[in-house]
Amino acid sequence: MDTVTAFGIVALTFMMLMYALESRGRAFVLAFAAGCALSSTYGFLSSAWPFRIVEAVWSVIALRRWARAAR
């Protein structure tokens, strides 16, 4: 297994775990946004451009939900 694949596995696992824990608080929503950004980075590193774009969009959506929850 190469480094990029290992990074992708860790990033996606983190993202899915934070998504599952989102209902426990705002911090997990922010962590999910970070996980999406990490997954987008993996998409960039692995040349999976559609994946990169989708994950970047999810990151922005999660950041907006996190900001809205603060109000």
N, C-alpha and C. Protein backbone atom coordinates (compact mmCIF):
# COMPACT_ATOMS: atom_id res chain seq x y z
N MET A 1 0.85 -1.17 0.00
CA MET A 1 0.00 0.00 0.00
C MET A 1 0.90 1.24 0.00
N ASP A 2 0.60 2.16 -0.90
CA ASP A 2 1.40 3.38 -0.95
C ASP A 2 0.87 4.44 0.03
N THR A 3 1.63 5.50 0.18
CA THR A 3 1.31 6.53 1.16
C THR A 3 0.00 7.25 0.84
N VAL A 4 -0.25 7.51 -0.43
CA VAL A 4 -1.48 8.22 -0.82
C VAL A 4 -2.71 7.37 -0.48
N THR A 5 -2.65 6.08 -0.75
CA THR A 5 -3.76 5.20 -0.43
C THR A 5 -4.00 5.14 1.08
N ALA A 6 -2.93 5.04 1.84
CA ALA A 6 -3.06 5.02 3.31
C ALA A 6 -3.68 6.32 3.81
N PHE A 7 -3.24 7.45 3.25
CA PHE A 7 -3.81 8.74 3.62
C PHE A 7 -5.31 8.76 3.30
N GLY A 8 -5.69 8.25 2.14
CA GLY A 8 -7.09 8.21 1.74
C GLY A 8 -7.93 7.36 2.68
N ILE A 9 -7.41 6.23 3.09
CA ILE A 9 -8.14 5.37 4.02
C ILE A 9 -8.36 6.07 5.35
N VAL A 10 -7.31 6.71 5.86
CA VAL A 10 -7.42 7.42 7.14
C VAL A 10 -8.39 8.60 7.01
N ALA A 11 -8.28 9.37 5.93
CA ALA A 11 -9.14 10.54 5.74
C ALA A 11 -10.61 10.14 5.62
N LEU A 12 -10.89 9.13 4.83
CA LEU A 12 -12.28 8.70 4.64
C LEU A 12 -12.86 8.07 5.90
N THR A 13 -12.05 7.31 6.61
CA THR A 13 -12.51 6.72 7.87
C THR A 13 -12.84 7.82 8.88
N PHE A 14 -11.96 8.81 8.99
CA PHE A 14 -12.19 9.93 9.89
C PHE A 14 -13.47 10.68 9.50
N MET A 15 -13.63 10.95 8.21
CA MET A 15 -14.81 11.67 7.73
C MET A 15 -16.09 10.91 8.07
N MET A 16 -16.13 9.63 7.83
CA MET A 16 -17.33 8.83 8.10
C MET A 16 -17.61 8.76 9.60
N LEU A 17 -16.58 8.64 10.41
CA LEU A 17 -16.76 8.60 11.86
C LEU A 17 -17.32 9.92 12.38
N MET A 18 -16.80 11.03 11.88
CA MET A 18 -17.30 12.34 12.32
C MET A 18 -18.74 12.55 11.84
N TYR A 19 -19.08 12.05 10.68
CA TYR A 19 -20.45 12.16 10.19
C TYR A 19 -21.39 11.39 11.12
N ALA A 20 -20.97 10.22 11.54
CA ALA A 20 -21.79 9.39 12.44
C ALA A 20 -21.96 10.06 13.80
N LEU A 21 -21.01 10.88 14.22
CA LEU A 21 -21.05 11.50 15.54
C LEU A 21 -21.59 12.94 15.52
N GLU A 22 -21.99 13.43 14.35
CA GLU A 22 -22.44 14.82 14.23
C GLU A 22 -23.54 15.20 15.20
N SER A 23 -24.43 14.28 15.51
CA SER A 23 -25.57 14.59 16.37
C SER A 23 -25.13 14.88 17.82
N ARG A 24 -23.89 14.59 18.14
CA ARG A 24 -23.39 14.81 19.51
C ARG A 24 -22.92 16.22 19.78
N GLY A 25 -22.82 17.03 18.74
CA GLY A 25 -22.42 18.42 18.98
C GLY A 25 -21.80 19.09 17.78
N ARG A 26 -21.70 20.42 17.89
CA ARG A 26 -21.14 21.25 16.82
C ARG A 26 -19.70 20.89 16.47
N ALA A 27 -18.93 20.50 17.46
CA ALA A 27 -17.52 20.19 17.21
C ALA A 27 -17.38 19.05 16.19
N PHE A 28 -18.31 18.11 16.23
CA PHE A 28 -18.25 17.00 15.29
C PHE A 28 -18.64 17.43 13.87
N VAL A 29 -19.49 18.44 13.77
CA VAL A 29 -19.83 18.98 12.45
C VAL A 29 -18.59 19.65 11.85
N LEU A 30 -17.87 20.41 12.68
CA LEU A 30 -16.64 21.03 12.22
C LEU A 30 -15.59 19.98 11.86
N ALA A 31 -15.50 18.93 12.66
CA ALA A 31 -14.55 17.84 12.37
C ALA A 31 -14.94 17.13 11.08
N PHE A 32 -16.26 16.99 10.82
CA PHE A 32 -16.71 16.39 9.56
C PHE A 32 -16.27 17.26 8.38
N ALA A 33 -16.38 18.58 8.53
CA ALA A 33 -15.93 19.49 7.47
C ALA A 33 -14.43 19.31 7.21
N ALA A 34 -13.68 19.16 8.29
CA ALA A 34 -12.23 18.93 8.14
C ALA A 34 -11.98 17.59 7.46
N GLY A 35 -12.76 16.58 7.81
CA GLY A 35 -12.62 15.27 7.17
C GLY A 35 -12.92 15.34 5.68
N CYS A 36 -13.93 16.12 5.32
CA CYS A 36 -14.25 16.32 3.90
C CYS A 36 -13.09 17.00 3.17
N ALA A 37 -12.48 17.99 3.83
CA ALA A 37 -11.33 18.68 3.24
C ALA A 37 -10.15 17.72 3.06
N LEU A 38 -9.94 16.86 4.05
CA LEU A 38 -8.88 15.85 3.92
C LEU A 38 -9.18 14.88 2.78
N SER A 39 -10.44 14.49 2.65
CA SER A 39 -10.83 13.58 1.56
C SER A 39 -10.67 14.27 0.21
N SER A 40 -10.96 15.57 0.17
CA SER A 40 -10.76 16.32 -1.06
C SER A 40 -9.27 16.36 -1.42
N THR A 41 -8.44 16.51 -0.41
CA THR A 41 -6.99 16.49 -0.62
C THR A 41 -6.56 15.14 -1.18
N TYR A 42 -7.14 14.07 -0.64
CA TYR A 42 -6.85 12.74 -1.18
C TYR A 42 -7.25 12.66 -2.66
N GLY A 43 -8.42 13.21 -2.99
CA GLY A 43 -8.84 13.22 -4.39
C GLY A 43 -7.85 13.95 -5.28
N PHE A 44 -7.29 15.03 -4.78
CA PHE A 44 -6.26 15.76 -5.52
C PHE A 44 -5.00 14.91 -5.70
N LEU A 45 -4.56 14.30 -4.60
CA LEU A 45 -3.33 13.51 -4.64
C LEU A 45 -3.46 12.27 -5.52
N SER A 46 -4.66 11.71 -5.58
CA SER A 46 -4.85 10.49 -6.37
C SER A 46 -5.37 10.78 -7.77
N SER A 47 -5.45 12.06 -8.12
CA SER A 47 -5.93 12.50 -9.44
C SER A 47 -7.37 12.09 -9.72
N ALA A 48 -8.16 12.00 -8.68
CA ALA A 48 -9.59 11.69 -8.81
C ALA A 48 -10.35 13.01 -8.72
N TRP A 49 -10.33 13.78 -9.81
CA TRP A 49 -10.87 15.14 -9.81
C TRP A 49 -12.35 15.22 -9.44
N PRO A 50 -13.22 14.35 -9.95
CA PRO A 50 -14.63 14.46 -9.54
C PRO A 50 -14.80 14.25 -8.03
N PHE A 51 -14.07 13.31 -7.47
CA PHE A 51 -14.12 13.06 -6.04
C PHE A 51 -13.64 14.29 -5.27
N ARG A 52 -12.59 14.89 -5.75
CA ARG A 52 -12.05 16.09 -5.09
C ARG A 52 -13.08 17.20 -5.05
N ILE A 53 -13.76 17.43 -6.16
CA ILE A 53 -14.74 18.51 -6.24
C ILE A 53 -15.93 18.23 -5.32
N VAL A 54 -16.44 17.01 -5.34
CA VAL A 54 -17.59 16.66 -4.50
C VAL A 54 -17.23 16.82 -3.02
N GLU A 55 -16.09 16.35 -2.62
CA GLU A 55 -15.68 16.46 -1.22
C GLU A 55 -15.45 17.91 -0.81
N ALA A 56 -14.95 18.72 -1.71
CA ALA A 56 -14.77 20.15 -1.40
C ALA A 56 -16.13 20.82 -1.18
N VAL A 57 -17.10 20.46 -2.01
CA VAL A 57 -18.45 21.00 -1.85
C VAL A 57 -19.04 20.56 -0.51
N TRP A 58 -18.87 19.28 -0.16
CA TRP A 58 -19.37 18.79 1.13
C TRP A 58 -18.71 19.52 2.29
N SER A 59 -17.45 19.85 2.14
CA SER A 59 -16.75 20.58 3.19
C SER A 59 -17.37 21.96 3.40
N VAL A 60 -17.68 22.65 2.32
CA VAL A 60 -18.31 23.97 2.42
C VAL A 60 -19.70 23.84 3.04
N ILE A 61 -20.47 22.84 2.63
CA ILE A 61 -21.81 22.63 3.20
C ILE A 61 -21.71 22.39 4.71
N ALA A 62 -20.77 21.56 5.12
CA ALA A 62 -20.61 21.26 6.55
C ALA A 62 -20.17 22.50 7.32
N LEU A 63 -19.31 23.31 6.74
CA LEU A 63 -18.89 24.55 7.41
C LEU A 63 -20.07 25.50 7.58
N ARG A 64 -20.93 25.57 6.59
CA ARG A 64 -22.12 26.41 6.70
C ARG A 64 -23.07 25.89 7.79
N ARG A 65 -23.23 24.57 7.88
CA ARG A 65 -24.08 24.00 8.94
C ARG A 65 -23.49 24.28 10.30
N TRP A 66 -22.16 24.18 10.42
CA TRP A 66 -21.49 24.46 11.69
C TRP A 66 -21.70 25.93 12.09
N ALA A 67 -21.56 26.85 11.13
CA ALA A 67 -21.75 28.26 11.42
C ALA A 67 -23.20 28.57 11.79
N ARG A 68 -24.13 27.93 11.11
CA ARG A 68 -25.55 28.13 11.41
C ARG A 68 -25.90 27.61 12.80
N ALA A 69 -25.28 26.54 13.22
CA ALA A 69 -25.56 25.97 14.54
C ALA A 69 -25.08 26.89 15.65
N ALA A 70 -24.16 27.78 15.36
CA ALA A 70 -23.63 28.69 16.37
C ALA A 70 -24.64 29.79 16.71
N ARG A 71 -25.53 30.05 15.77
CA ARG A 71 -26.51 31.13 15.98
C ARG A 71 -27.62 30.74 16.88
